[in-house]
């Protein structure tokens, strides 16, 4: 089985900042808006190099979405930046009515998603954002796993016509995906195409975001017990790469989904729908269990809420027994 290692850790929000800076140099139509969180969103480099293409809206997120929608009419490609909790729940009406309904080309970039926001606690730890956004017609939904993938996704969505929700996080995590390249090869980020990370015959593990690394660690632990897991990295929640998932479960006969999100409305439910319509097999869900979060370090919270390799191992053994 292929082994993944890392030599460096970085936060995925820094990948967004690097990608945005790249766009500032290569795409003159890209503009950026922020709701008073420049440092947290790592937008400093873009602003330094392109001050005339940046708009500080202040703590007025709904206004930011309306302005972004308007900017698209003149051919601009606006990237909005704030925390995930403020990028979705606080501005859902503006996203639905002003952006999605008329298919505006706005890129909604959301940092500090999930439990790993950490000490700020439940009010800021949104765990239902993927569900909120994937239900909006025409909305593309992306949740990246490391610095490199976030940089690549940021650049890729500028070329995609239509509204996009890009979700990333605050904590430093291992960098294990290939470095971004803008050439047409296997490392190019493709919206809607999952990535098979390992090959296995006993269980399929479909993971997204920070849980991809945990899934890889789980697969190594399972291998030591004679269980081979096929890990799939799903960075695009919508449109979902159903073909890749169905191909894998046709071989393994069972699946575990893993996400830093409520099991209601997230990746797991999208996979369950795919299975129900095509090939029903046993499935286990790793995610938050219809609950809010709480204050704590990212490591403490991921352990308490069972969002780690150990939980994926346990779910894998359980689902195999159901086959």
C-alpha atoms as a PDB file:
ATOM      1  CA  UNK A   1       0.000   0.000   0.000  1.00  0.00           C
ATOM      2  CA  UNK A   2       1.213   3.495  -0.852  1.00  0.00           C
ATOM      3  CA  UNK A   3       2.537   5.364   2.197  1.00  0.00           C
ATOM      4  CA  UNK A   4       2.097   9.103   2.664  1.00  0.00           C
ATOM      5  CA  UNK A   5       4.547  11.167   4.683  1.00  0.00           C
ATOM      6  CA  UNK A   6       5.106  14.844   5.285  1.00  0.00           C
ATOM      7  CA  UNK A   7       8.016  17.117   6.104  1.00  0.00           C
ATOM      8  CA  UNK A   8       6.063  20.261   6.905  1.00  0.00           C
ATOM      9  CA  UNK A   9       2.780  21.409   8.415  1.00  0.00           C
ATOM     10  CA  UNK A  10       0.850  24.520   7.410  1.00  0.00           C
ATOM     11  CA  UNK A  11      -2.661  25.813   7.809  1.00  0.00           C
ATOM     12  CA  UNK A  12      -4.955  25.449   4.825  1.00  0.00           C
ATOM     13  CA  UNK A  13      -5.945  29.117   5.066  1.00  0.00           C
ATOM     14  CA  UNK A  14      -2.351  29.983   4.123  1.00  0.00           C
ATOM     15  CA  UNK A  15      -2.831  27.877   1.001  1.00  0.00           C
ATOM     16  CA  UNK A  16      -5.787  30.098   0.169  1.00  0.00           C
ATOM     17  CA  UNK A  17      -3.668  33.214   0.693  1.00  0.00           C
ATOM     18  CA  UNK A  18      -0.918  31.884  -1.561  1.00  0.00           C
ATOM     19  CA  UNK A  19      -3.407  30.928  -4.253  1.00  0.00           C
ATOM     20  CA  UNK A  20      -5.126  34.303  -4.084  1.00  0.00           C
ATOM     21  CA  UNK A  21      -1.786  36.088  -4.435  1.00  0.00           C
ATOM     22  CA  UNK A  22      -1.034  33.955  -7.510  1.00  0.00           C
ATOM     23  CA  UNK A  23      -4.362  34.996  -9.023  1.00  0.00           C
ATOM     24  CA  UNK A  24      -3.554  38.614  -8.304  1.00  0.00           C
ATOM     25  CA  UNK A  25      -0.522  38.283 -10.565  1.00  0.00           C
ATOM     26  CA  UNK A  26      -2.113  36.219 -13.308  1.00  0.00           C
ATOM     27  CA  UNK A  27      -5.808  37.183 -13.560  1.00  0.00           C
ATOM     28  CA  UNK A  28      -6.591  40.916 -13.634  1.00  0.00           C
ATOM     29  CA  UNK A  29     -10.322  40.276 -13.180  1.00  0.00           C
ATOM     30  CA  UNK A  30      -9.890  38.766  -9.730  1.00  0.00           C
ATOM     31  CA  UNK A  31     -10.842  41.096  -6.880  1.00  0.00           C
ATOM     32  CA  UNK A  32     -11.007  40.380  -3.161  1.00  0.00           C
ATOM     33  CA  UNK A  33     -13.399  41.448  -0.404  1.00  0.00           C
ATOM     34  CA  UNK A  34     -12.992  40.886   3.324  1.00  0.00           C
ATOM     35  CA  UNK A  35     -15.141  41.338   6.409  1.00  0.00           C
ATOM     36  CA  UNK A  36     -12.448  42.714   8.719  1.00  0.00           C
ATOM     37  CA  UNK A  37     -10.401  39.484   8.881  1.00  0.00           C
ATOM     38  CA  UNK A  38      -7.478  40.143   6.529  1.00  0.00           C
ATOM     39  CA  UNK A  39      -4.875  38.447   8.733  1.00  0.00           C
ATOM     40  CA  UNK A  40      -7.037  35.457   9.533  1.00  0.00           C
ATOM     41  CA  UNK A  41      -7.752  34.868   5.823  1.00  0.00           C
ATOM     42  CA  UNK A  42      -4.085  35.444   4.835  1.00  0.00           C
ATOM     43  CA  UNK A  43      -5.048  38.065   2.242  1.00  0.00           C
ATOM     44  CA  UNK A  44      -2.142  40.391   3.021  1.00  0.00           C
ATOM     45  CA  UNK A  45       0.033  39.523   0.015  1.00  0.00           C
ATOM     46  CA  UNK A  46      -2.794  40.023  -2.463  1.00  0.00           C
ATOM     47  CA  UNK A  47      -3.617  43.397  -0.904  1.00  0.00           C
ATOM     48  CA  UNK A  48       0.013  44.542  -0.883  1.00  0.00           C
ATOM     49  CA  UNK A  49       0.417  43.769  -4.578  1.00  0.00           C
ATOM     50  CA  UNK A  50      -3.091  44.806  -5.697  1.00  0.00           C
ATOM     51  CA  UNK A  51      -4.447  47.479  -3.334  1.00  0.00           C
ATOM     52  CA  UNK A  52      -6.824  48.851  -5.985  1.00  0.00           C
ATOM     53  CA  UNK A  53      -8.464  45.405  -6.320  1.00  0.00           C
ATOM     54  CA  UNK A  54      -9.251  44.921  -2.634  1.00  0.00           C
ATOM     55  CA  UNK A  55     -12.343  46.067  -0.735  1.00  0.00           C
ATOM     56  CA  UNK A  56     -12.465  46.108   3.065  1.00  0.00           C
ATOM     57  CA  UNK A  57     -16.173  45.833   3.870  1.00  0.00           C
ATOM     58  CA  UNK A  58     -15.893  45.609   7.638  1.00  0.00           C
ATOM     59  CA  UNK A  59     -18.119  43.523   9.869  1.00  0.00           C
ATOM     60  CA  UNK A  60     -20.965  43.620   7.363  1.00  0.00           C
ATOM     61  CA  UNK A  61     -20.952  40.186   5.761  1.00  0.00           C
ATOM     62  CA  UNK A  62     -24.370  40.467   4.124  1.00  0.00           C
ATOM     63  CA  UNK A  63     -23.296  43.716   2.499  1.00  0.00           C
ATOM     64  CA  UNK A  64     -20.112  42.006   1.301  1.00  0.00           C
ATOM     65  CA  UNK A  65     -22.105  39.334  -0.533  1.00  0.00           C
ATOM     66  CA  UNK A  66     -24.293  41.933  -2.199  1.00  0.00           C
ATOM     67  CA  UNK A  67     -21.283  43.953  -3.338  1.00  0.00           C
ATOM     68  CA  UNK A  68     -19.607  40.798  -4.639  1.00  0.00           C
ATOM     69  CA  UNK A  69     -22.687  39.931  -6.666  1.00  0.00           C
ATOM     70  CA  UNK A  70     -22.689  43.407  -8.180  1.00  0.00           C
ATOM     71  CA  UNK A  71     -19.020  43.261  -9.116  1.00  0.00           C
ATOM     72  CA  UNK A  72     -19.630  40.225 -11.314  1.00  0.00           C
ATOM     73  CA  UNK A  73     -21.865  42.283 -13.597  1.00  0.00           C
ATOM     74  CA  UNK A  74     -18.810  44.229 -14.736  1.00  0.00           C
ATOM     75  CA  UNK A  75     -16.848  41.067 -15.418  1.00  0.00           C
ATOM     76  CA  UNK A  76     -14.946  40.899 -12.142  1.00  0.00           C
ATOM     77  CA  UNK A  77     -14.351  37.620 -10.283  1.00  0.00           C
ATOM     78  CA  UNK A  78     -14.876  38.455  -6.602  1.00  0.00           C
ATOM     79  CA  UNK A  79     -13.395  36.319  -3.823  1.00  0.00           C
ATOM     80  CA  UNK A  80     -15.077  36.997  -0.471  1.00  0.00           C
ATOM     81  CA  UNK A  81     -13.236  36.161   2.736  1.00  0.00           C
ATOM     82  CA  UNK A  82     -14.436  35.598   6.289  1.00  0.00           C
ATOM     83  CA  UNK A  83     -14.979  32.739   8.754  1.00  0.00           C
ATOM     84  CA  UNK A  84     -17.138  29.840   7.583  1.00  0.00           C
ATOM     85  CA  UNK A  85     -19.801  30.607  10.186  1.00  0.00           C
ATOM     86  CA  UNK A  86     -20.146  34.125   8.786  1.00  0.00           C
ATOM     87  CA  UNK A  87     -19.774  33.022   5.144  1.00  0.00           C
ATOM     88  CA  UNK A  88     -22.860  30.816   5.260  1.00  0.00           C
ATOM     89  CA  UNK A  89     -25.388  30.965   8.096  1.00  0.00           C
ATOM     90  CA  UNK A  90     -25.165  34.723   8.621  1.00  0.00           C
ATOM     91  CA  UNK A  91     -25.569  35.531   4.917  1.00  0.00           C
ATOM     92  CA  UNK A  92     -27.623  32.642   3.576  1.00  0.00           C
ATOM     93  CA  UNK A  93     -30.379  34.861   2.208  1.00  0.00           C
ATOM     94  CA  UNK A  94     -27.924  37.064   0.304  1.00  0.00           C
ATOM     95  CA  UNK A  95     -26.114  34.039  -1.142  1.00  0.00           C
ATOM     96  CA  UNK A  96     -29.350  32.393  -2.235  1.00  0.00           C
ATOM     97  CA  UNK A  97     -31.108  35.463  -3.623  1.00  0.00           C
ATOM     98  CA  UNK A  98     -28.300  37.741  -4.861  1.00  0.00           C
ATOM     99  CA  UNK A  99     -25.666  35.199  -5.933  1.00  0.00           C
ATOM    100  CA  UNK A 100     -27.005  31.716  -6.632  1.00  0.00           C
ATOM    101  CA  UNK A 101     -30.449  32.548  -8.034  1.00  0.00           C
ATOM    102  CA  UNK A 102     -28.880  34.561 -10.865  1.00  0.00           C
ATOM    103  CA  UNK A 103     -25.778  32.331 -11.097  1.00  0.00           C
ATOM    104  CA  UNK A 104     -23.346  35.086 -10.197  1.00  0.00           C
ATOM    105  CA  UNK A 105     -19.643  34.237 -10.523  1.00  0.00           C
ATOM    106  CA  UNK A 106     -18.797  34.783  -6.838  1.00  0.00           C
ATOM    107  CA  UNK A 107     -16.217  32.696  -4.949  1.00  0.00           C
ATOM    108  CA  UNK A 108     -17.223  32.394  -1.291  1.00  0.00           C
ATOM    109  CA  UNK A 109     -14.019  31.567   0.591  1.00  0.00           C
ATOM    110  CA  UNK A 110     -14.566  30.363   4.138  1.00  0.00           C
ATOM    111  CA  UNK A 111     -11.857  29.872   6.740  1.00  0.00           C
ATOM    112  CA  UNK A 112     -11.941  28.537  10.311  1.00  0.00           C
ATOM    113  CA  UNK A 113     -14.469  25.834   9.435  1.00  0.00           C
ATOM    114  CA  UNK A 114     -15.435  22.965  11.706  1.00  0.00           C
ATOM    115  CA  UNK A 115     -14.323  22.073  15.219  1.00  0.00           C
ATOM    116  CA  UNK A 116     -10.660  22.844  14.553  1.00  0.00           C
ATOM    117  CA  UNK A 117     -11.398  26.547  14.857  1.00  0.00           C
ATOM    118  CA  UNK A 118     -10.691  25.598  18.453  1.00  0.00           C
ATOM    119  CA  UNK A 119     -10.906  27.897  21.413  1.00  0.00           C
ATOM    120  CA  UNK A 120     -13.443  30.353  19.956  1.00  0.00           C
ATOM    121  CA  UNK A 121     -16.092  27.738  20.678  1.00  0.00           C
ATOM    122  CA  UNK A 122     -19.452  26.620  19.350  1.00  0.00           C
ATOM    123  CA  UNK A 123     -20.708  29.992  18.100  1.00  0.00           C
ATOM    124  CA  UNK A 124     -17.862  30.089  15.564  1.00  0.00           C
ATOM    125  CA  UNK A 125     -17.476  26.341  14.883  1.00  0.00           C
ATOM    126  CA  UNK A 126     -19.956  25.839  12.088  1.00  0.00           C
ATOM    127  CA  UNK A 127     -20.596  22.147  11.419  1.00  0.00           C
ATOM    128  CA  UNK A 128     -23.511  22.457   9.024  1.00  0.00           C
ATOM    129  CA  UNK A 129     -22.068  24.704   6.299  1.00  0.00           C
ATOM    130  CA  UNK A 130     -21.471  21.990   3.696  1.00  0.00           C
ATOM    131  CA  UNK A 131     -25.108  20.961   3.965  1.00  0.00           C
ATOM    132  CA  UNK A 132     -26.331  24.542   3.731  1.00  0.00           C
ATOM    133  CA  UNK A 133     -24.284  25.257   0.637  1.00  0.00           C
ATOM    134  CA  UNK A 134     -24.706  22.007  -1.281  1.00  0.00           C
ATOM    135  CA  UNK A 135     -28.497  22.404  -1.146  1.00  0.00           C
ATOM    136  CA  UNK A 136     -28.332  25.684  -3.094  1.00  0.00           C
ATOM    137  CA  UNK A 137     -28.959  24.997  -6.799  1.00  0.00           C
ATOM    138  CA  UNK A 138     -25.885  25.556  -8.962  1.00  0.00           C
ATOM    139  CA  UNK A 139     -23.469  25.964  -6.049  1.00  0.00           C
ATOM    140  CA  UNK A 140     -20.147  24.127  -6.328  1.00  0.00           C
ATOM    141  CA  UNK A 141     -18.851  23.040  -2.904  1.00  0.00           C
ATOM    142  CA  UNK A 142     -15.167  22.318  -2.201  1.00  0.00           C
ATOM    143  CA  UNK A 143     -13.466  21.256   1.053  1.00  0.00           C
ATOM    144  CA  UNK A 144      -9.688  20.920   0.845  1.00  0.00           C
ATOM    145  CA  UNK A 145      -7.318  18.736   2.862  1.00  0.00           C
ATOM    146  CA  UNK A 146      -3.943  20.520   3.030  1.00  0.00           C
ATOM    147  CA  UNK A 147      -1.986  23.635   2.033  1.00  0.00           C
ATOM    148  CA  UNK A 148      -1.134  22.472  -1.473  1.00  0.00           C
ATOM    149  CA  UNK A 149      -4.647  21.352  -2.325  1.00  0.00           C
ATOM    150  CA  UNK A 150      -6.125  24.599  -1.000  1.00  0.00           C
ATOM    151  CA  UNK A 151      -3.728  26.678  -3.093  1.00  0.00           C
ATOM    152  CA  UNK A 152      -4.604  24.650  -6.181  1.00  0.00           C
ATOM    153  CA  UNK A 153      -8.353  24.833  -5.508  1.00  0.00           C
ATOM    154  CA  UNK A 154      -8.223  28.606  -5.022  1.00  0.00           C
ATOM    155  CA  UNK A 155      -6.608  29.014  -8.427  1.00  0.00           C
ATOM    156  CA  UNK A 156      -8.906  26.501 -10.104  1.00  0.00           C
ATOM    157  CA  UNK A 157     -12.168  28.106  -8.992  1.00  0.00           C
ATOM    158  CA  UNK A 158     -11.230  31.373 -10.706  1.00  0.00           C
ATOM    159  CA  UNK A 159     -11.539  29.525 -14.021  1.00  0.00           C
ATOM    160  CA  UNK A 160     -14.877  27.970 -13.074  1.00  0.00           C
ATOM    161  CA  UNK A 161     -17.926  29.937 -14.172  1.00  0.00           C
ATOM    162  CA  UNK A 162     -20.536  30.127 -11.428  1.00  0.00           C
ATOM    163  CA  UNK A 163     -20.788  30.408  -7.637  1.00  0.00           C
ATOM    164  CA  UNK A 164     -18.380  28.365  -5.515  1.00  0.00           C
ATOM    165  CA  UNK A 165     -18.112  27.703  -1.792  1.00  0.00           C
ATOM    166  CA  UNK A 166     -14.483  26.975  -0.826  1.00  0.00           C
ATOM    167  CA  UNK A 167     -14.031  25.688   2.743  1.00  0.00           C
ATOM    168  CA  UNK A 168     -10.692  25.548   4.603  1.00  0.00           C
ATOM    169  CA  UNK A 169      -9.362  25.774   8.137  1.00  0.00           C
ATOM    170  CA  UNK A 170      -7.298  27.366  10.855  1.00  0.00           C
ATOM    171  CA  UNK A 171      -4.975  24.661  12.293  1.00  0.00           C
ATOM    172  CA  UNK A 172      -1.620  23.600  10.933  1.00  0.00           C
ATOM    173  CA  UNK A 173      -1.929  20.172   9.292  1.00  0.00           C
ATOM    174  CA  UNK A 174       0.461  17.903   7.363  1.00  0.00           C
ATOM    175  CA  UNK A 175       1.209  18.799   3.743  1.00  0.00           C
ATOM    176  CA  UNK A 176       1.003  15.518   1.837  1.00  0.00           C
ATOM    177  CA  UNK A 177      -0.557  16.364  -1.525  1.00  0.00           C
ATOM    178  CA  UNK A 178       1.599  17.308  -4.549  1.00  0.00           C
ATOM    179  CA  UNK A 179       2.596  20.921  -5.052  1.00  0.00           C
ATOM    180  CA  UNK A 180       0.264  22.962  -7.234  1.00  0.00           C
ATOM    181  CA  UNK A 181       1.102  23.139 -10.921  1.00  0.00           C
ATOM    182  CA  UNK A 182      -0.752  25.035 -13.622  1.00  0.00           C
ATOM    183  CA  UNK A 183       0.168  22.542 -16.328  1.00  0.00           C
ATOM    184  CA  UNK A 184      -2.056  19.745 -17.571  1.00  0.00           C
ATOM    185  CA  UNK A 185      -0.815  16.735 -15.657  1.00  0.00           C
ATOM    186  CA  UNK A 186      -1.817  14.420 -12.830  1.00  0.00           C
ATOM    187  CA  UNK A 187      -1.221  17.090 -10.171  1.00  0.00           C
ATOM    188  CA  UNK A 188      -3.663  19.592 -11.647  1.00  0.00           C
ATOM    189  CA  UNK A 189      -6.692  20.274  -9.460  1.00  0.00           C
ATOM    190  CA  UNK A 190      -9.888  19.216 -11.225  1.00  0.00           C
ATOM    191  CA  UNK A 191     -13.214  20.302  -9.755  1.00  0.00           C
ATOM    192  CA  UNK A 192     -15.538  17.334  -9.285  1.00  0.00           C
ATOM    193  CA  UNK A 193     -12.836  14.662  -9.563  1.00  0.00           C
ATOM    194  CA  UNK A 194     -11.870  12.748  -6.421  1.00  0.00           C
ATOM    195  CA  UNK A 195      -8.433  11.252  -5.875  1.00  0.00           C
ATOM    196  CA  UNK A 196      -7.771   7.626  -5.032  1.00  0.00           C
ATOM    197  CA  UNK A 197      -5.007   7.766  -2.443  1.00  0.00           C
ATOM    198  CA  UNK A 198      -4.548   4.050  -1.687  1.00  0.00           C
ATOM    199  CA  UNK A 199      -5.733   0.736  -3.085  1.00  0.00           C
ATOM    200  CA  UNK A 200      -7.587  -1.809  -0.982  1.00  0.00           C
ATOM    201  CA  UNK A 201     -10.077  -4.656  -1.166  1.00  0.00           C
ATOM    202  CA  UNK A 202     -11.748  -4.746   2.243  1.00  0.00           C
ATOM    203  CA  UNK A 203     -13.249  -1.288   2.834  1.00  0.00           C
ATOM    204  CA  UNK A 204     -13.572   2.055   1.052  1.00  0.00           C
ATOM    205  CA  UNK A 205     -12.865   5.163   3.133  1.00  0.00           C
ATOM    206  CA  UNK A 206     -14.239   8.351   1.565  1.00  0.00           C
ATOM    207  CA  UNK A 207     -12.821  11.372   3.372  1.00  0.00           C
ATOM    208  CA  UNK A 208     -12.764  15.126   2.948  1.00  0.00           C
ATOM    209  CA  UNK A 209     -10.859  18.071   4.423  1.00  0.00           C
ATOM    210  CA  UNK A 210      -8.761  17.488   7.525  1.00  0.00           C
ATOM    211  CA  UNK A 211     -10.075  13.925   7.779  1.00  0.00           C
ATOM    212  CA  UNK A 212      -8.176  12.815   4.654  1.00  0.00           C
ATOM    213  CA  UNK A 213      -4.902  12.668   6.581  1.00  0.00           C
ATOM    214  CA  UNK A 214      -6.638  10.823   9.405  1.00  0.00           C
ATOM    215  CA  UNK A 215      -8.043   8.351   6.863  1.00  0.00           C
ATOM    216  CA  UNK A 216      -4.547   7.679   5.550  1.00  0.00           C
ATOM    217  CA  UNK A 217      -3.305   7.041   9.078  1.00  0.00           C
ATOM    218  CA  UNK A 218      -6.265   4.727   9.646  1.00  0.00           C
ATOM    219  CA  UNK A 219      -5.469   2.776   6.499  1.00  0.00           C
ATOM    220  CA  UNK A 220      -1.937   2.143   7.733  1.00  0.00           C
ATOM    221  CA  UNK A 221      -3.236   0.968  11.109  1.00  0.00           C
ATOM    222  CA  UNK A 222      -5.749  -1.342   9.422  1.00  0.00           C
ATOM    223  CA  UNK A 223      -3.074  -2.790   7.163  1.00  0.00           C
ATOM    224  CA  UNK A 224      -1.151  -3.930  10.235  1.00  0.00           C
ATOM    225  CA  UNK A 225      -4.214  -6.003  11.119  1.00  0.00           C
ATOM    226  CA  UNK A 226      -4.487  -7.485   7.648  1.00  0.00           C
ATOM    227  CA  UNK A 227      -7.242  -5.151   6.426  1.00  0.00           C
ATOM    228  CA  UNK A 228      -6.657  -3.217   3.199  1.00  0.00           C
ATOM    229  CA  UNK A 229      -8.494   0.083   2.840  1.00  0.00           C
ATOM    230  CA  UNK A 230      -9.048   2.105  -0.317  1.00  0.00           C
ATOM    231  CA  UNK A 231      -8.872   5.766   0.657  1.00  0.00           C
ATOM    232  CA  UNK A 232     -10.566   8.331  -1.579  1.00  0.00           C
ATOM    233  CA  UNK A 233      -9.891  12.047  -1.170  1.00  0.00           C
ATOM    234  CA  UNK A 234     -13.106  13.900  -2.000  1.00  0.00           C
ATOM    235  CA  UNK A 235     -12.258  17.580  -2.200  1.00  0.00           C
ATOM    236  CA  UNK A 236     -15.416  18.423  -4.165  1.00  0.00           C
ATOM    237  CA  UNK A 237     -18.565  17.699  -2.203  1.00  0.00           C
ATOM    238  CA  UNK A 238     -20.728  18.957  -5.064  1.00  0.00           C
ATOM    239  CA  UNK A 239     -20.614  17.813  -7.792  1.00  0.00           C
ATOM    240  CA  UNK A 240     -19.652  14.511  -6.179  1.00  0.00           C
ATOM    241  CA  UNK A 241     -17.389  12.076  -8.036  1.00  0.00           C
ATOM    242  CA  UNK A 242     -19.921   9.252  -7.967  1.00  0.00           C
ATOM    243  CA  UNK A 243     -18.081   7.229 -10.590  1.00  0.00           C
ATOM    244  CA  UNK A 244     -14.926   6.910  -8.488  1.00  0.00           C
ATOM    245  CA  UNK A 245     -16.865   6.027  -5.338  1.00  0.00           C
ATOM    246  CA  UNK A 246     -19.052   3.425  -7.038  1.00  0.00           C
ATOM    247  CA  UNK A 247     -16.050   1.831  -8.719  1.00  0.00           C
ATOM    248  CA  UNK A 248     -14.361   1.419  -5.344  1.00  0.00           C
ATOM    249  CA  UNK A 249     -17.350   0.063  -3.424  1.00  0.00           C
ATOM    250  CA  UNK A 250     -18.061  -2.421  -6.217  1.00  0.00           C
ATOM    251  CA  UNK A 251     -14.771  -3.974  -5.163  1.00  0.00           C
ATOM    252  CA  UNK A 252     -14.864  -3.535  -1.383  1.00  0.00           C
ATOM    253  CA  UNK A 253     -18.585  -3.899  -0.707  1.00  0.00           C
ATOM    254  CA  UNK A 254     -18.680  -1.348   2.148  1.00  0.00           C
ATOM    255  CA  UNK A 255     -17.778   2.256   2.896  1.00  0.00           C
ATOM    256  CA  UNK A 256     -16.853   4.638   5.705  1.00  0.00           C
ATOM    257  CA  UNK A 257     -17.300   8.370   5.210  1.00  0.00           C
ATOM    258  CA  UNK A 258     -15.221  10.790   7.286  1.00  0.00           C
ATOM    259  CA  UNK A 259     -15.703  14.533   7.617  1.00  0.00           C
ATOM    260  CA  UNK A 260     -15.279  17.420  10.068  1.00  0.00           C
ATOM    261  CA  UNK A 261     -18.963  18.216   9.758  1.00  0.00           C
ATOM    262  CA  UNK A 262     -22.333  17.091  11.022  1.00  0.00           C
ATOM    263  CA  UNK A 263     -23.187  13.626   9.688  1.00  0.00           C
ATOM    264  CA  UNK A 264     -26.566  15.156   8.779  1.00  0.00           C
ATOM    265  CA  UNK A 265     -26.232  17.040   5.522  1.00  0.00           C
ATOM    266  CA  UNK A 266     -22.558  16.503   4.752  1.00  0.00           C
ATOM    267  CA  UNK A 267     -20.401  14.244   2.608  1.00  0.00           C
ATOM    268  CA  UNK A 268     -21.757  11.105   4.259  1.00  0.00           C
ATOM    269  CA  UNK A 269     -25.316  11.830   3.224  1.00  0.00           C
ATOM    270  CA  UNK A 270     -24.249  12.619  -0.344  1.00  0.00           C
ATOM    271  CA  UNK A 271     -22.456   9.277  -0.526  1.00  0.00           C
ATOM    272  CA  UNK A 272     -25.460   7.494   1.032  1.00  0.00           C
ATOM    273  CA  UNK A 273     -27.726   8.924  -1.659  1.00  0.00           C
ATOM    274  CA  UNK A 274     -25.336   7.727  -4.354  1.00  0.00           C
ATOM    275  CA  UNK A 275     -25.323   4.237  -2.866  1.00  0.00           C
ATOM    276  CA  UNK A 276     -29.100   4.144  -2.471  1.00  0.00           C
ATOM    277  CA  UNK A 277     -29.619   5.002  -6.130  1.00  0.00           C
ATOM    278  CA  UNK A 278     -26.924   2.740  -7.543  1.00  0.00           C
ATOM    279  CA  UNK A 279     -25.487   0.043  -5.277  1.00  0.00           C
ATOM    280  CA  UNK A 280     -26.673  -0.088  -1.654  1.00  0.00           C
ATOM    281  CA  UNK A 281     -23.890  -1.380   0.591  1.00  0.00           C
ATOM    282  CA  UNK A 282     -23.204  -1.002   4.335  1.00  0.00           C
ATOM    283  CA  UNK A 283     -21.973   2.449   5.348  1.00  0.00           C
ATOM    284  CA  UNK A 284     -20.647   3.925   8.582  1.00  0.00           C
ATOM    285  CA  UNK A 285     -20.368   7.666   9.273  1.00  0.00           C
ATOM    286  CA  UNK A 286     -17.475   9.451  11.000  1.00  0.00           C
ATOM    287  CA  UNK A 287     -18.476  13.035  11.763  1.00  0.00           C
ATOM    288  CA  UNK A 288     -20.140  15.067  14.474  1.00  0.00           C
ATOM    289  CA  UNK A 289     -23.317  13.447  15.741  1.00  0.00           C
ATOM    290  CA  UNK A 290     -25.941  16.197  15.388  1.00  0.00           C
ATOM    291  CA  UNK A 291     -24.306  18.388  17.994  1.00  0.00           C
ATOM    292  CA  UNK A 292     -22.672  21.769  18.438  1.00  0.00           C
ATOM    293  CA  UNK A 293     -18.999  22.064  19.341  1.00  0.00           C
ATOM    294  CA  UNK A 294     -17.307  23.656  22.335  1.00  0.00           C
ATOM    295  CA  UNK A 295     -14.129  25.472  23.284  1.00  0.00           C
ATOM    296  CA  UNK A 296     -10.876  23.512  23.282  1.00  0.00           C
ATOM    297  CA  UNK A 297      -7.725  22.929  21.304  1.00  0.00           C
ATOM    298  CA  UNK A 298      -8.187  21.371  17.871  1.00  0.00           C
ATOM    299  CA  UNK A 299      -6.518  18.146  19.044  1.00  0.00           C
ATOM    300  CA  UNK A 300      -8.732  17.902  22.128  1.00  0.00           C
ATOM    301  CA  UNK A 301     -11.887  18.478  20.127  1.00  0.00           C
ATOM    302  CA  UNK A 302     -11.014  16.048  17.333  1.00  0.00           C
ATOM    303  CA  UNK A 303     -10.433  13.357  19.952  1.00  0.00           C
ATOM    304  CA  UNK A 304     -13.535  14.103  22.019  1.00  0.00           C
ATOM    305  CA  UNK A 305     -15.819  14.160  18.985  1.00  0.00           C
ATOM    306  CA  UNK A 306     -14.202  11.066  17.419  1.00  0.00           C
ATOM    307  CA  UNK A 307     -12.862  12.767  14.311  1.00  0.00           C
ATOM    308  CA  UNK A 308      -9.557  10.943  14.055  1.00  0.00           C
ATOM    309  CA  UNK A 309      -7.794   7.867  12.729  1.00  0.00           C
ATOM    310  CA  UNK A 310      -8.897   5.728  15.668  1.00  0.00           C
ATOM    311  CA  UNK A 311     -12.550   6.485  14.949  1.00  0.00           C
ATOM    312  CA  UNK A 312     -12.092   5.638  11.271  1.00  0.00           C
ATOM    313  CA  UNK A 313     -10.428   2.343  12.195  1.00  0.00           C
ATOM    314  CA  UNK A 314     -13.316   1.446  14.492  1.00  0.00           C
ATOM    315  CA  UNK A 315     -15.899   2.401  11.865  1.00  0.00           C
ATOM    316  CA  UNK A 316     -14.060   0.351   9.236  1.00  0.00           C
ATOM    317  CA  UNK A 317     -14.073  -2.773  11.380  1.00  0.00           C
ATOM    318  CA  UNK A 318     -17.741  -2.267  12.179  1.00  0.00           C
ATOM    319  CA  UNK A 319     -18.816  -1.849   8.577  1.00  0.00           C
ATOM    320  CA  UNK A 320     -16.806  -4.867   7.423  1.00  0.00           C
ATOM    321  CA  UNK A 321     -18.698  -7.008   9.905  1.00  0.00           C
ATOM    322  CA  UNK A 322     -21.959  -5.867   8.271  1.00  0.00           C
ATOM    323  CA  UNK A 323     -21.011  -7.100   4.809  1.00  0.00           C
END
